[in-house]
């Protein structure tokens, strides 16, 4: 990790920085060493350009947002142990989107993923987030349980989402950080409203 990177938050000796272009080789090495997420959702390990794609990627054309954040989480030895892609004010003001959240497989079960997520949530809220949203692949049981325990609620599903070699169903979930209701959230984010059910 570049020593000049700006520290965003810290929790139990783990530090979060905004990743820069010079950190892409390190991020790619992290993806290569931790293929579980990519194999689960896409059917194959990370592609060789995965880190650059994350760094250069933006929301779909026409979607409003303020900033696309790429965060790296490092441990006491200054080694990358996790990352997150977070988009501020996506689709509506104060709605922040978690596009990707990966913690090293070797650290699963330690409680670190939960602690870092909680610190990330507090950081987002301190910077204006009132709502968090994300998509989790249906059938990725570990991830589904993680986000449910973190307080996220499903508002709709999207079927036929192609990732790598797999076609997935995505559970769209949200969490209110300031006491808002499902109805209030869906009034802000029209895209996440459930599709009308066909009459029987």
Protein backbone atom coordinates (compact mmCIF):
# COMPACT_ATOMS: atom_id res chain seq x y z
CA UNK A 1 0.00 0.00 0.00
CA UNK A 2 1.28 3.44 -0.91
CA UNK A 3 2.36 5.28 2.27
CA UNK A 4 1.08 8.59 0.90
CA UNK A 5 -2.50 7.35 0.48
CA UNK A 6 -5.09 9.16 2.60
CA UNK A 7 -6.34 7.25 5.64
CA UNK A 8 -10.14 7.13 5.58
CA UNK A 9 -10.87 5.15 8.73
CA UNK A 10 -9.30 2.62 11.11
CA UNK A 11 -10.73 -0.25 13.15
CA UNK A 12 -8.84 -2.72 15.40
CA UNK A 13 -5.55 -2.05 13.65
CA UNK A 14 -7.04 -2.42 10.17
CA UNK A 15 -6.86 0.73 8.04
CA UNK A 16 -8.87 1.85 5.02
CA UNK A 17 -7.33 3.86 2.20
CA UNK A 18 -8.56 5.07 -1.16
CA UNK A 19 -6.74 2.98 -3.76
CA UNK A 20 -4.85 4.76 -6.53
CA UNK A 21 -3.57 3.63 -9.92
CA UNK A 22 -0.20 2.67 -8.46
CA UNK A 23 -1.96 0.13 -6.20
CA UNK A 24 -3.56 -1.84 -9.05
CA UNK A 25 -0.86 -4.53 -9.18
CA UNK A 26 -1.33 -5.15 -5.47
CA UNK A 27 -5.12 -5.25 -5.87
CA UNK A 28 -4.85 -7.70 -8.79
CA UNK A 29 -2.59 -9.93 -6.69
CA UNK A 30 -5.20 -9.83 -3.92
CA UNK A 31 -7.94 -10.86 -6.38
CA UNK A 32 -5.77 -13.68 -7.74
CA UNK A 33 -5.03 -14.97 -4.24
CA UNK A 34 -8.71 -14.83 -3.22
CA UNK A 35 -10.74 -16.30 -6.08
CA UNK A 36 -13.71 -17.48 -3.99
CA UNK A 37 -15.97 -14.51 -4.78
CA UNK A 38 -15.25 -14.56 -8.50
CA UNK A 39 -15.74 -18.32 -8.74
CA UNK A 40 -19.01 -18.10 -6.79
CA UNK A 41 -20.62 -15.37 -8.87
CA UNK A 42 -18.88 -15.72 -12.23
CA UNK A 43 -17.77 -19.32 -12.40
CA UNK A 44 -14.05 -18.51 -12.81
CA UNK A 45 -11.19 -16.70 -11.04
CA UNK A 46 -10.66 -12.98 -11.56
CA UNK A 47 -9.61 -11.98 -15.06
CA UNK A 48 -6.13 -10.41 -15.48
CA UNK A 49 -7.61 -6.90 -15.82
CA UNK A 50 -10.01 -7.17 -12.87
CA UNK A 51 -8.24 -4.56 -10.74
CA UNK A 52 -7.96 -2.03 -13.57
CA UNK A 53 -11.60 -2.62 -14.50
CA UNK A 54 -12.61 -1.88 -10.91
CA UNK A 55 -10.44 1.24 -10.83
CA UNK A 56 -11.68 2.62 -14.15
CA UNK A 57 -15.29 1.41 -13.96
CA UNK A 58 -18.23 3.74 -13.43
CA UNK A 59 -21.98 3.27 -13.01
CA UNK A 60 -24.03 2.83 -16.20
CA UNK A 61 -24.42 5.86 -18.42
CA UNK A 62 -27.22 8.10 -17.25
CA UNK A 63 -27.01 7.07 -13.61
CA UNK A 64 -26.33 10.01 -11.32
CA UNK A 65 -23.58 9.74 -8.70
CA UNK A 66 -21.03 11.90 -6.90
CA UNK A 67 -17.95 9.70 -6.61
CA UNK A 68 -16.85 6.13 -7.29
CA UNK A 69 -14.65 5.08 -4.37
CA UNK A 70 -12.23 2.14 -4.51
CA UNK A 71 -11.11 1.30 -0.98
CA UNK A 72 -8.34 -0.99 0.23
CA UNK A 73 -8.15 -2.41 3.75
CA UNK A 74 -4.69 -3.17 5.11
CA UNK A 75 -3.52 -4.96 8.25
CA UNK A 76 -0.74 -4.25 10.74
CA UNK A 77 1.88 -5.55 8.29
CA UNK A 78 0.59 -3.12 5.63
CA UNK A 79 -0.73 -6.01 3.50
CA UNK A 80 -3.99 -5.75 1.61
CA UNK A 81 -6.59 -7.92 3.35
CA UNK A 82 -9.77 -6.62 1.76
CA UNK A 83 -11.35 -4.11 -0.60
CA UNK A 84 -14.62 -2.39 -1.39
CA UNK A 85 -16.12 -0.45 -4.25
CA UNK A 86 -18.51 2.23 -2.97
CA UNK A 87 -20.46 4.77 -5.03
CA UNK A 88 -21.78 7.88 -3.29
CA UNK A 89 -25.15 9.45 -4.14
CA UNK A 90 -26.01 6.75 -6.67
CA UNK A 91 -29.39 7.34 -8.36
CA UNK A 92 -30.41 9.73 -5.56
CA UNK A 93 -28.79 12.04 -3.05
CA UNK A 94 -27.66 10.28 0.16
CA UNK A 95 -27.98 6.78 -1.35
CA UNK A 96 -24.60 5.02 -1.29
CA UNK A 97 -24.03 1.76 -3.16
CA UNK A 98 -21.64 -1.04 -2.19
CA UNK A 99 -20.66 -2.60 -5.48
CA UNK A 100 -18.08 -5.09 -4.24
CA UNK A 101 -16.88 -6.07 -0.78
CA UNK A 102 -14.23 -8.77 -0.43
CA UNK A 103 -12.21 -9.81 2.61
CA UNK A 104 -9.38 -12.34 2.25
CA UNK A 105 -10.68 -15.90 2.50
CA UNK A 106 -8.09 -16.72 5.17
CA UNK A 107 -9.76 -14.14 7.41
CA UNK A 108 -13.30 -15.50 7.09
CA UNK A 109 -14.72 -16.42 10.47
CA UNK A 110 -12.50 -14.01 12.39
CA UNK A 111 -15.07 -11.23 12.71
CA UNK A 112 -12.89 -8.84 10.72
CA UNK A 113 -15.28 -8.63 7.76
CA UNK A 114 -18.06 -7.52 10.11
CA UNK A 115 -15.85 -5.02 11.94
CA UNK A 116 -14.54 -3.46 8.73
CA UNK A 117 -18.03 -3.28 7.24
CA UNK A 118 -19.36 -1.53 10.36
CA UNK A 119 -16.53 1.00 10.15
CA UNK A 120 -17.23 1.49 6.44
CA UNK A 121 -20.90 2.09 7.21
CA UNK A 122 -20.04 4.68 9.87
CA UNK A 123 -17.63 6.38 7.45
CA UNK A 124 -20.27 6.53 4.72
CA UNK A 125 -22.85 7.93 7.14
CA UNK A 126 -20.42 10.58 8.37
CA UNK A 127 -19.98 11.64 4.74
CA UNK A 128 -23.69 12.02 4.04
CA UNK A 129 -25.09 8.54 3.43
CA UNK A 130 -28.60 7.96 4.74
CA UNK A 131 -29.21 4.79 2.79
CA UNK A 132 -26.99 1.93 1.65
CA UNK A 133 -27.85 -0.39 -1.22
CA UNK A 134 -26.22 -3.42 -2.80
CA UNK A 135 -26.88 -6.50 -4.87
CA UNK A 136 -26.09 -9.99 -3.63
CA UNK A 137 -26.18 -13.12 -5.77
CA UNK A 138 -28.99 -15.47 -4.81
CA UNK A 139 -27.38 -18.74 -3.80
CA UNK A 140 -24.16 -17.13 -2.52
CA UNK A 141 -25.25 -18.19 0.94
CA UNK A 142 -22.31 -16.79 2.92
CA UNK A 143 -22.79 -13.33 1.38
CA UNK A 144 -26.58 -13.44 1.73
CA UNK A 145 -26.34 -14.24 5.43
CA UNK A 146 -23.63 -11.63 5.98
CA UNK A 147 -25.70 -8.79 4.54
CA UNK A 148 -28.90 -9.94 6.24
CA UNK A 149 -27.10 -9.96 9.60
CA UNK A 150 -25.79 -6.46 8.80
CA UNK A 151 -29.40 -5.26 8.57
CA UNK A 152 -30.02 -5.18 4.82
CA UNK A 153 -33.54 -5.87 3.52
CA UNK A 154 -34.42 -7.24 0.08
CA UNK A 155 -36.63 -4.96 -2.01
CA UNK A 156 -36.59 -6.80 -5.32
CA UNK A 157 -34.76 -9.36 -7.43
CA UNK A 158 -33.27 -9.11 -10.90
CA UNK A 159 -33.06 -12.26 -12.97
CA UNK A 160 -30.82 -13.12 -15.88
CA UNK A 161 -27.79 -11.09 -14.73
CA UNK A 162 -24.71 -12.36 -16.58
CA UNK A 163 -21.44 -12.36 -14.64
CA UNK A 164 -18.54 -14.23 -16.20
CA UNK A 165 -19.82 -17.60 -17.34
CA UNK A 166 -22.85 -17.64 -15.04
CA UNK A 167 -26.37 -16.23 -15.26
CA UNK A 168 -27.49 -15.12 -11.81
CA UNK A 169 -30.45 -13.82 -9.89
CA UNK A 170 -29.49 -10.73 -7.91
CA UNK A 171 -31.20 -9.77 -4.67
CA UNK A 172 -31.34 -5.96 -4.47
CA UNK A 173 -31.07 -4.94 -0.82
CA UNK A 174 -30.99 -1.71 1.15
CA UNK A 175 -30.38 -0.46 4.67
CA UNK A 176 -31.66 2.74 6.25
CA UNK A 177 -29.02 4.53 8.31
CA UNK A 178 -31.26 7.31 9.61
CA UNK A 179 -34.47 5.50 10.46
CA UNK A 180 -36.18 5.68 7.05
CA UNK A 181 -38.81 3.22 5.84
CA UNK A 182 -38.92 0.94 2.81
CA UNK A 183 -41.54 3.22 1.26
CA UNK A 184 -39.33 6.28 1.72
CA UNK A 185 -36.38 4.51 0.13
CA UNK A 186 -38.38 3.30 -2.86
CA UNK A 187 -39.75 6.82 -3.35
CA UNK A 188 -36.14 7.92 -3.85
CA UNK A 189 -34.87 4.98 -5.93
CA UNK A 190 -37.47 4.11 -8.52
CA UNK A 191 -35.20 1.44 -10.04
CA UNK A 192 -35.43 -0.66 -6.90
CA UNK A 193 -39.21 -0.83 -6.75
CA UNK A 194 -40.53 -4.40 -7.02
CA UNK A 195 -42.01 -5.34 -10.37
CA UNK A 196 -45.81 -5.67 -10.31
CA UNK A 197 -46.94 -9.23 -9.80
CA UNK A 198 -49.09 -10.76 -12.51
CA UNK A 199 -52.69 -11.24 -11.45
CA UNK A 200 -53.61 -14.88 -10.82
